[in-house]
Protein backbone atom coordinates (compact mmCIF):
# COMPACT_ATOMS: atom_id res chain seq x y z
CA UNK A 1 -11.69 -24.60 16.10
CA UNK A 2 -10.05 -26.94 13.64
CA UNK A 3 -6.60 -26.36 12.22
CA UNK A 4 -6.16 -25.00 8.73
CA UNK A 5 -6.92 -27.44 5.98
CA UNK A 6 -3.83 -28.38 3.94
CA UNK A 7 -5.53 -27.59 0.65
CA UNK A 8 -6.24 -24.04 1.75
CA UNK A 9 -2.90 -22.78 2.92
CA UNK A 10 -0.20 -25.40 2.76
CA UNK A 11 -0.85 -27.10 -0.54
CA UNK A 12 2.19 -27.86 -2.67
CA UNK A 13 0.67 -28.86 -5.98
CA UNK A 14 2.63 -27.62 -8.98
CA UNK A 15 0.51 -29.38 -11.63
CA UNK A 16 -0.52 -26.20 -13.38
CA UNK A 17 -2.15 -26.09 -16.81
CA UNK A 18 -0.68 -24.12 -19.71
CA UNK A 19 -3.21 -21.33 -19.13
CA UNK A 20 -2.33 -21.13 -15.45
CA UNK A 21 1.36 -20.86 -16.30
CA UNK A 22 0.65 -18.05 -18.77
CA UNK A 23 -1.44 -16.22 -16.16
CA UNK A 24 1.37 -16.61 -13.62
CA UNK A 25 4.03 -15.32 -16.04
CA UNK A 26 1.91 -12.30 -17.01
CA UNK A 27 1.25 -11.57 -13.34
CA UNK A 28 4.98 -11.60 -12.54
CA UNK A 29 5.75 -9.51 -15.63
CA UNK A 30 3.16 -6.93 -14.56
CA UNK A 31 4.60 -6.89 -11.04
CA UNK A 32 8.09 -6.36 -12.45
CA UNK A 33 6.87 -3.53 -14.68
CA UNK A 34 5.15 -1.79 -11.78
CA UNK A 35 8.20 -2.16 -9.53
CA UNK A 36 10.44 -0.28 -11.99
CA UNK A 37 7.82 1.51 -14.16
CA UNK A 38 9.65 0.24 -17.24
CA UNK A 39 8.72 0.52 -20.02
CA UNK A 40 6.98 3.84 -19.45
CA UNK A 41 4.59 4.41 -22.34
CA UNK A 42 2.19 7.35 -22.57
CA UNK A 43 -0.76 6.07 -24.59
CA UNK A 44 -2.92 9.21 -24.22
CA UNK A 45 -1.06 12.50 -24.90
CA UNK A 46 -1.60 15.00 -22.10
CA UNK A 47 -3.07 12.40 -19.73
CA UNK A 48 -1.07 11.77 -16.55
CA UNK A 49 -2.83 8.53 -15.64
CA UNK A 50 -0.61 5.48 -16.34
CA UNK A 51 -3.01 3.82 -18.77
CA UNK A 52 -0.37 1.41 -20.12
CA UNK A 53 0.20 0.07 -16.61
CA UNK A 54 -3.56 -0.17 -16.14
CA UNK A 55 -3.86 -2.29 -19.30
CA UNK A 56 -1.23 -4.73 -18.00
CA UNK A 57 -3.08 -4.95 -14.68
CA UNK A 58 -6.39 -5.56 -16.46
CA UNK A 59 -4.80 -8.27 -18.62
CA UNK A 60 -3.40 -9.98 -15.51
CA UNK A 61 -6.83 -9.82 -13.87
CA UNK A 62 -8.59 -11.32 -16.91
CA UNK A 63 -6.11 -14.20 -17.16
CA UNK A 64 -6.38 -14.84 -13.41
CA UNK A 65 -10.18 -14.96 -13.66
CA UNK A 66 -10.01 -17.45 -16.53
CA UNK A 67 -7.16 -19.67 -15.38
CA UNK A 68 -6.72 -19.06 -11.65
CA UNK A 69 -7.96 -21.12 -8.73
CA UNK A 70 -11.75 -20.80 -9.06
CA UNK A 71 -12.41 -21.83 -5.44
CA UNK A 72 -12.12 -18.14 -4.48
CA UNK A 73 -14.91 -17.15 -6.86
CA UNK A 74 -17.82 -18.11 -4.64
CA UNK A 75 -20.86 -16.08 -5.64
CA UNK A 76 -21.75 -15.66 -1.98
CA UNK A 77 -18.32 -14.22 -1.14
CA UNK A 78 -18.65 -10.65 0.17
CA UNK A 79 -15.31 -9.86 -1.52
CA UNK A 80 -16.88 -10.30 -4.95
CA UNK A 81 -19.85 -8.09 -4.14
CA UNK A 82 -17.63 -5.42 -2.56
CA UNK A 83 -15.41 -5.45 -5.66
CA UNK A 84 -18.42 -5.04 -7.95
CA UNK A 85 -19.90 -2.28 -5.76
CA UNK A 86 -16.65 -0.29 -5.78
CA UNK A 87 -16.31 -0.72 -9.54
CA UNK A 88 -19.90 0.44 -10.12
CA UNK A 89 -19.47 3.51 -7.87
CA UNK A 90 -16.27 4.47 -9.70
CA UNK A 91 -18.05 4.20 -13.06
CA UNK A 92 -21.04 6.26 -11.90
CA UNK A 93 -18.71 8.90 -10.46
CA UNK A 94 -16.92 9.11 -13.80
CA UNK A 95 -20.18 9.62 -15.69
CA UNK A 96 -21.08 12.76 -13.69
CA UNK A 97 -17.54 14.22 -13.63
CA UNK A 98 -16.89 17.61 -15.22
CA UNK A 99 -13.91 15.98 -16.98
CA UNK A 100 -15.24 12.51 -17.87
CA UNK A 101 -12.31 11.60 -20.12
CA UNK A 102 -9.62 12.19 -17.51
CA UNK A 103 -11.79 10.68 -14.78
CA UNK A 104 -12.40 7.57 -16.87
CA UNK A 105 -8.65 7.09 -17.41
CA UNK A 106 -8.02 7.44 -13.67
CA UNK A 107 -10.88 5.11 -12.77
CA UNK A 108 -9.59 2.47 -15.19
CA UNK A 109 -6.06 2.61 -13.77
CA UNK A 110 -7.16 2.64 -10.10
CA UNK A 111 -9.70 -0.16 -10.41
CA UNK A 112 -7.63 -2.39 -12.72
CA UNK A 113 -4.55 -2.16 -10.48
CA UNK A 114 -6.55 -2.46 -7.24
CA UNK A 115 -8.88 -5.29 -8.25
CA UNK A 116 -6.11 -6.84 -10.36
CA UNK A 117 -3.64 -6.99 -7.49
CA UNK A 118 -6.20 -8.33 -5.02
CA UNK A 119 -7.76 -11.00 -7.22
CA UNK A 120 -4.49 -12.11 -8.78
CA UNK A 121 -3.26 -12.79 -5.25
CA UNK A 122 -6.48 -14.62 -4.37
CA UNK A 123 -6.58 -16.69 -7.57
CA UNK A 124 -2.94 -17.25 -8.48
CA UNK A 125 -0.97 -17.26 -5.20
CA UNK A 126 -2.89 -20.05 -3.49
CA UNK A 127 -0.48 -22.92 -2.84
CA UNK A 128 2.42 -22.98 -0.40
CA UNK A 129 4.88 -23.31 -3.29
CA UNK A 130 3.40 -20.33 -5.15
CA UNK A 131 3.56 -18.21 -2.01
CA UNK A 132 7.23 -19.04 -1.52
CA UNK A 133 7.96 -18.34 -5.20
CA UNK A 134 6.31 -14.95 -4.96
CA UNK A 135 8.18 -14.20 -1.73
CA UNK A 136 11.54 -14.82 -3.40
CA UNK A 137 10.44 -12.83 -6.44
CA UNK A 138 9.71 -9.87 -4.16
CA UNK A 139 13.04 -10.31 -2.35
CA UNK A 140 14.93 -10.08 -5.64
CA UNK A 141 12.83 -7.12 -6.82
CA UNK A 142 13.43 -5.28 -3.55
CA UNK A 143 17.18 -5.94 -3.72
CA UNK A 144 17.26 -4.62 -7.29
CA UNK A 145 15.26 -1.51 -6.32
CA UNK A 146 17.71 -0.74 -3.52
CA UNK A 147 20.67 -1.08 -5.90
CA UNK A 148 19.07 1.25 -8.44
CA UNK A 149 18.18 3.69 -5.64
CA UNK A 150 21.80 3.72 -4.48
CA UNK A 151 22.95 4.38 -8.06
CA UNK A 152 20.42 7.20 -8.34
CA UNK A 153 21.73 8.77 -5.15
CA UNK A 154 25.35 8.44 -6.29
CA UNK A 155 24.80 9.79 -9.81
CA UNK A 156 22.14 12.44 -9.26
CA UNK A 157 21.70 12.86 -5.51
CA UNK A 158 18.15 11.51 -5.88
CA UNK A 159 17.24 7.99 -4.74
CA UNK A 160 14.18 7.72 -7.02
CA UNK A 161 15.83 9.28 -10.07
CA UNK A 162 15.59 6.11 -12.20
CA UNK A 163 12.49 4.62 -10.60
CA UNK A 164 9.65 7.12 -10.24
CA UNK A 165 8.58 10.75 -10.55
CA UNK A 166 8.28 11.35 -6.81
CA UNK A 167 9.59 10.07 -3.48
CA UNK A 168 6.19 8.99 -2.15
CA UNK A 169 5.29 6.12 -4.54
CA UNK A 170 8.87 4.87 -4.49
CA UNK A 171 8.95 4.86 -0.69
CA UNK A 172 5.60 3.05 -0.59
CA UNK A 173 6.86 0.29 -2.88
CA UNK A 174 9.88 -0.28 -0.65
CA UNK A 175 7.58 -0.45 2.38
CA UNK A 176 5.13 -2.87 0.74
CA UNK A 177 7.85 -5.14 -0.64
CA UNK A 178 9.35 -5.34 2.84
CA UNK A 179 6.79 -8.08 3.55
CA UNK A 180 9.19 -10.54 1.87
CA UNK A 181 12.25 -9.94 4.13
CA UNK A 182 9.90 -9.66 7.12
CA UNK A 183 8.57 -13.12 6.29
CA UNK A 184 12.14 -14.43 6.34
CA UNK A 185 12.83 -12.72 9.66
CA UNK A 186 9.72 -14.18 11.30
CA UNK A 187 9.72 -17.70 9.85
CA UNK A 188 13.19 -18.28 8.39
CA UNK A 189 16.34 -19.41 10.12
CA UNK A 190 20.09 -19.12 9.69
CA UNK A 191 21.22 -17.31 6.55
CA UNK A 192 17.64 -16.70 5.39
CA UNK A 193 16.80 -14.71 8.50
CA UNK A 194 20.10 -12.81 8.18
CA UNK A 195 19.36 -12.04 4.52
CA UNK A 196 15.93 -10.69 5.46
CA UNK A 197 17.40 -8.51 8.19
CA UNK A 198 20.06 -7.12 5.82
CA UNK A 199 17.42 -6.19 3.22
CA UNK A 200 15.28 -4.47 5.86
CA UNK A 201 18.32 -2.55 7.13
CA UNK A 202 19.30 -1.45 3.62
CA UNK A 203 15.70 -0.38 2.92
CA UNK A 204 15.72 1.82 5.99
CA UNK A 205 19.15 3.17 5.02
CA UNK A 206 17.68 4.31 1.70
CA UNK A 207 15.00 6.21 3.62
CA UNK A 208 17.64 7.88 5.78
CA UNK A 209 19.96 8.94 2.90
CA UNK A 210 17.04 10.36 0.93
CA UNK A 211 17.92 13.79 2.33
CA UNK A 212 15.42 16.62 2.06
CA UNK A 213 13.11 15.07 -0.54
CA UNK A 214 9.49 15.77 0.27
CA UNK A 215 7.81 12.96 2.16
CA UNK A 216 11.01 11.08 2.92
CA UNK A 217 10.74 12.07 6.57
CA UNK A 218 7.49 10.12 6.90
CA UNK A 219 9.19 6.91 5.83
CA UNK A 220 11.98 7.49 8.34
CA UNK A 221 9.45 7.77 11.17
CA UNK A 222 6.92 5.09 10.11
CA UNK A 223 9.24 2.04 10.59
CA UNK A 224 10.01 3.24 14.12
CA UNK A 225 6.26 3.40 14.80
CA UNK A 226 5.90 -0.14 13.43
CA UNK A 227 8.63 -1.36 15.78
CA UNK A 228 6.56 0.06 18.63
CA UNK A 229 3.55 -1.83 17.26
CA UNK A 230 5.53 -5.07 17.24
CA UNK A 231 6.68 -4.38 20.79
CA UNK A 232 3.08 -4.10 21.97
CA UNK A 233 1.60 -7.05 20.06
CA UNK A 234 3.60 -9.92 21.51
CA UNK A 235 5.59 -11.13 24.49
CA UNK A 236 9.35 -11.01 23.98
CA UNK A 237 12.17 -12.93 25.55
CA UNK A 238 14.76 -10.67 27.24
CA UNK A 239 17.30 -11.08 24.43
CA UNK A 240 14.73 -10.35 21.72
CA UNK A 241 13.43 -7.35 23.64
CA UNK A 242 16.96 -5.97 23.99
CA UNK A 243 17.55 -6.29 20.23
CA UNK A 244 14.25 -4.58 19.44
CA UNK A 245 14.99 -1.71 21.83
CA UNK A 246 18.44 -1.25 20.27
CA UNK A 247 16.82 -1.09 16.83
CA UNK A 248 14.37 1.54 18.06
CA UNK A 249 17.27 3.53 19.51
CA UNK A 250 19.10 3.38 16.17
CA UNK A 251 15.94 4.52 14.38
CA UNK A 252 15.56 7.40 16.84
CA UNK A 253 19.10 8.51 16.01
CA UNK A 254 18.29 8.20 12.30
CA UNK A 255 15.17 10.33 12.71
CA UNK A 256 17.20 12.99 14.52
CA UNK A 257 19.84 12.85 11.78
CA UNK A 258 17.22 13.21 9.07
CA UNK A 259 15.67 16.13 10.93
CA UNK A 260 19.13 17.74 10.99
CA UNK A 261 19.55 17.16 7.25
CA UNK A 262 16.33 18.96 6.38
CA UNK A 263 17.36 22.01 8.38
CA UNK A 264 16.22 21.20 11.89
CA UNK A 265 12.90 22.98 11.57
CA UNK A 266 9.39 22.55 10.27
CA UNK A 267 8.18 25.32 7.97
CA UNK A 268 4.48 25.92 8.68
CA UNK A 269 4.24 27.98 5.47
CA UNK A 270 5.64 25.21 3.26
CA UNK A 271 3.28 23.65 0.73
CA UNK A 272 3.84 20.18 2.20
CA UNK A 273 2.33 21.31 5.52
CA UNK A 274 0.07 24.23 4.62
CA UNK A 275 -1.68 22.50 1.70
CA UNK A 276 -2.26 19.26 3.59
CA UNK A 277 -3.68 21.07 6.59
CA UNK A 278 -6.04 23.28 4.60
CA UNK A 279 -7.11 20.33 2.44
CA UNK A 280 -8.69 18.66 5.47
CA UNK A 281 -11.23 21.49 5.75
CA UNK A 282 -11.60 22.03 2.01
CA UNK A 283 -12.18 18.33 1.35
CA UNK A 284 -15.03 18.25 3.85
CA UNK A 285 -16.44 21.41 2.23
CA UNK A 286 -16.61 19.67 -1.17
CA UNK A 287 -17.73 16.28 0.12
CA UNK A 288 -20.79 17.77 1.84
CA UNK A 289 -21.94 19.07 -1.54
CA UNK A 290 -21.01 15.99 -3.60
CA UNK A 291 -21.56 13.28 -0.99
CA UNK A 292 -23.04 10.53 -3.19
CA UNK A 293 -20.69 10.14 -6.17
CA UNK A 294 -18.08 12.78 -5.49
CA UNK A 295 -16.57 15.40 -7.76
CA UNK A 296 -15.04 12.89 -10.17
CA UNK A 297 -11.53 11.44 -10.22
CA UNK A 298 -8.94 14.13 -10.90
CA UNK A 299 -11.68 16.67 -11.72
CA UNK A 300 -11.01 20.42 -11.11
CA UNK A 301 -11.91 21.77 -7.67
CA UNK A 302 -11.56 25.53 -8.11
CA UNK A 303 -15.30 26.19 -8.39
CA UNK A 304 -15.79 25.14 -4.76
CA UNK A 305 -13.52 27.96 -3.58
CA UNK A 306 -16.11 30.64 -4.36
CA UNK A 307 -17.99 30.25 -1.07
CA UNK A 308 -15.10 28.87 0.96
CA UNK A 309 -13.09 30.62 3.67
CA UNK A 310 -9.49 29.63 4.38
CA UNK A 311 -9.05 28.02 7.82
CA UNK A 312 -5.27 27.56 8.10
CA UNK A 313 -3.83 30.93 9.23
CA UNK A 314 -0.49 30.61 7.40
CA UNK A 315 -1.84 30.45 3.86
CA UNK A 316 -3.70 32.86 1.58
CA UNK A 317 -6.65 32.00 -0.62
CA UNK A 318 -4.72 33.01 -3.73
CA UNK A 319 -1.88 30.67 -2.87
CA UNK A 320 -4.21 27.81 -2.04
CA UNK A 321 -6.07 28.36 -5.33
CA UNK A 322 -2.81 28.06 -7.22
CA UNK A 323 -2.02 24.76 -5.52
CA UNK A 324 -5.55 23.41 -6.08
CA UNK A 325 -5.31 24.00 -9.83
CA UNK A 326 -2.05 22.08 -9.98
CA UNK A 327 -2.63 19.19 -7.56
CA UNK A 328 -6.39 18.38 -7.65
CA UNK A 329 -6.00 16.10 -4.62
CA UNK A 330 -6.15 16.36 -0.83
CA UNK A 331 -2.67 14.87 -0.26
CA UNK A 332 -4.41 12.17 1.77
CA UNK A 333 -5.76 9.11 0.01
CA UNK A 334 -8.96 8.70 2.01
CA UNK A 335 -9.85 12.40 1.87
CA UNK A 336 -9.19 12.33 -1.88
CA UNK A 337 -11.45 9.29 -2.29
CA UNK A 338 -14.11 11.07 -0.24
CA UNK A 339 -13.99 14.13 -2.52
CA UNK A 340 -13.56 12.37 -5.87
CA UNK A 341 -15.72 9.26 -5.39
CA UNK A 342 -18.16 10.13 -2.59
CA UNK A 343 -19.03 8.83 0.86
CA UNK A 344 -20.44 5.40 -0.19
CA UNK A 345 -17.19 4.47 -1.93
CA UNK A 346 -14.85 5.59 0.84
CA UNK A 347 -17.03 4.00 3.55
CA UNK A 348 -17.25 0.61 1.80
CA UNK A 349 -13.54 0.61 1.03
CA UNK A 350 -12.48 1.74 4.51
CA UNK A 351 -14.70 -0.81 6.26
CA UNK A 352 -13.23 -3.52 4.01
CA UNK A 353 -9.71 -2.54 5.07
CA UNK A 354 -10.73 -2.57 8.74
CA UNK A 355 -12.18 -6.08 8.36
CA UNK A 356 -8.98 -7.34 6.73
CA UNK A 357 -6.88 -5.65 9.40
CA UNK A 358 -8.97 -7.34 12.09
CA UNK A 359 -8.47 -10.68 10.33
CA UNK A 360 -4.69 -10.19 10.40
CA UNK A 361 -4.77 -9.37 14.09
CA UNK A 362 -6.83 -12.49 14.79
CA UNK A 363 -4.33 -14.58 12.85
CA UNK A 364 -1.53 -13.09 14.94
CA UNK A 365 -3.24 -13.62 18.31
CA UNK A 366 -4.65 -17.12 17.68
CA UNK A 367 -1.56 -18.69 16.09
CA UNK A 368 -3.08 -20.83 13.29
CA UNK A 369 -0.77 -23.58 12.03
CA UNK A 370 0.49 -24.12 8.47
CA UNK A 371 0.61 -20.46 7.42
CA UNK A 372 3.25 -19.68 4.79
CA UNK A 373 3.62 -16.06 5.90
CA UNK A 374 3.72 -15.02 9.52
CA UNK A 375 0.78 -12.61 10.06
CA UNK A 376 3.17 -9.87 11.20
CA UNK A 377 4.94 -10.04 7.82
CA UNK A 378 1.70 -8.80 6.24
CA UNK A 379 0.44 -6.66 9.12
CA UNK A 380 3.51 -4.40 9.39
CA UNK A 381 3.83 -3.29 5.74
CA UNK A 382 0.03 -3.02 5.50
CA UNK A 383 -0.04 -0.76 8.58
CA UNK A 384 2.95 1.24 7.35
CA UNK A 385 1.33 1.78 3.96
CA UNK A 386 -1.91 2.93 5.62
CA UNK A 387 0.05 5.51 7.62
CA UNK A 388 1.82 6.67 4.47
CA UNK A 389 -1.52 7.05 2.66
CA UNK A 390 -2.43 9.73 5.19
CA UNK A 391 0.23 11.92 3.57
CA UNK A 392 -0.46 11.39 -0.14
CA UNK A 393 -2.88 9.75 -2.58
CA UNK A 394 -0.84 6.58 -3.14
CA UNK A 395 -3.73 4.44 -4.36
CA UNK A 396 -4.02 6.71 -7.39
CA UNK A 397 -0.66 5.29 -8.50
CA UNK A 398 -0.85 1.76 -10.02
CA UNK A 399 2.69 0.92 -8.87
CA UNK A 400 1.49 1.36 -5.26
CA UNK A 401 -2.10 0.13 -5.62
CA UNK A 402 -1.00 -3.14 -7.21
CA UNK A 403 1.35 -4.19 -4.41
CA UNK A 404 -0.92 -2.83 -1.66
CA UNK A 405 -3.81 -4.99 -2.83
CA UNK A 406 -1.61 -8.02 -3.41
CA UNK A 407 -0.83 -7.88 0.32
CA UNK A 408 -4.57 -7.71 1.04
CA UNK A 409 -5.15 -10.68 -1.25
CA UNK A 410 -2.49 -12.70 0.58
CA UNK A 411 -4.43 -12.48 3.86
CA UNK A 412 -5.84 -16.00 4.43
CA UNK A 413 -9.62 -16.28 4.49
CA UNK A 414 -10.71 -19.89 5.06
CA UNK A 415 -8.10 -20.80 7.63
CA UNK A 416 -8.81 -22.41 10.97
CA UNK A 417 -7.32 -21.31 14.27
CA UNK A 418 -5.52 -23.10 17.02
CA UNK A 419 -7.03 -22.80 20.47
CA UNK A 420 -7.12 -19.10 21.30
CA UNK A 421 -5.03 -17.94 24.22
CA UNK A 422 -5.43 -14.58 25.95
CA UNK A 423 -2.77 -12.23 24.70
CA UNK A 424 -0.02 -11.51 27.23
CA UNK A 425 -0.62 -7.77 27.47
CA UNK A 426 -4.40 -8.14 27.44
CA UNK A 427 -4.19 -10.81 30.16
CA UNK A 428 -1.87 -8.60 32.21
CA UNK A 429 -4.17 -5.60 31.87
CA UNK A 430 -7.23 -7.61 32.89
CA UNK A 431 -5.55 -9.13 35.94
């Protein structure tokens, strides 16, 4: 196949109109707000959905649609039709929810941050120069987050004290923003590569010092799993392989240390384990009854307990009922989508993610020229975020959804490939 066209991936034009500059500035301002959740403004009393953040995301999306690169807005593009289908299903689900007001607020925040992040990346971060600008923006944001996290740990013993309400969305942001130092490590040289490695090391250090905060253990383990993924996806020179194995050894020690910090045992009665396990069965119980449009975003679930029998042996129905009233989620993003929005939504969305993941793998195996970001710089944080979403409903949080979908939007679409070569491990297995 032909190599990538310069206008698609390696363009350097900086002749932007006034409207394009405004759209770019608003996009960066929204990204900065969602990184630090400042200012935090509650526009609807009693509503937990971050509507203010959703408005900023929607504004960024509107400006990108008006002033962004219109080449991506091909009417025949499946991405446009998938976006419209997901938006329509979310609206229909809201209309039949038992709490339409709360569901509407959630739907607005989820769809504006998800579609906003994806299409802002598609429409605004098109040229090589823009990609590099956004990479350095993310590097600075990540460095600032790590500094604030260290201050939070020193002053309150809590790394997310000044950044979020919970460990999970903070940990996800760190993981997603790691694409920027990973890009330096894979494509940079000299001090740039060293800077990227230092930021990645400090990010992992924040995970390790997080102590016993719920969910922190997942982010200590996930990077080690990603190192294993890297090990399997390419052929390494002996020196590189030795460095990677040393890193995995250090991570193994860190995992053991974290396990020691949290008491050296896993409590099967703890809410973090018991609720997540039981939610697998309970989610399927609800989804079978509300398969088309779901129960509604953030709608109560207690009524489905009447004819439900507890499956997990270390939890009582009374205790599970108490948790259901408080949480209203499945502590797993895809199960929560299945319950709240129905099978059509979760199937369309999941298949879309699989297609984009396949595209990243093809980019990695076929080595297309002129890419700004090495495919692994996007693949690793994307894969890590997917693993993390199995433990909580991160895409309900705009600060996570925004950056997650920006990464998806950065995946090249109309890029050619160099001559494909059989992958080393695949070739070895076949011969």
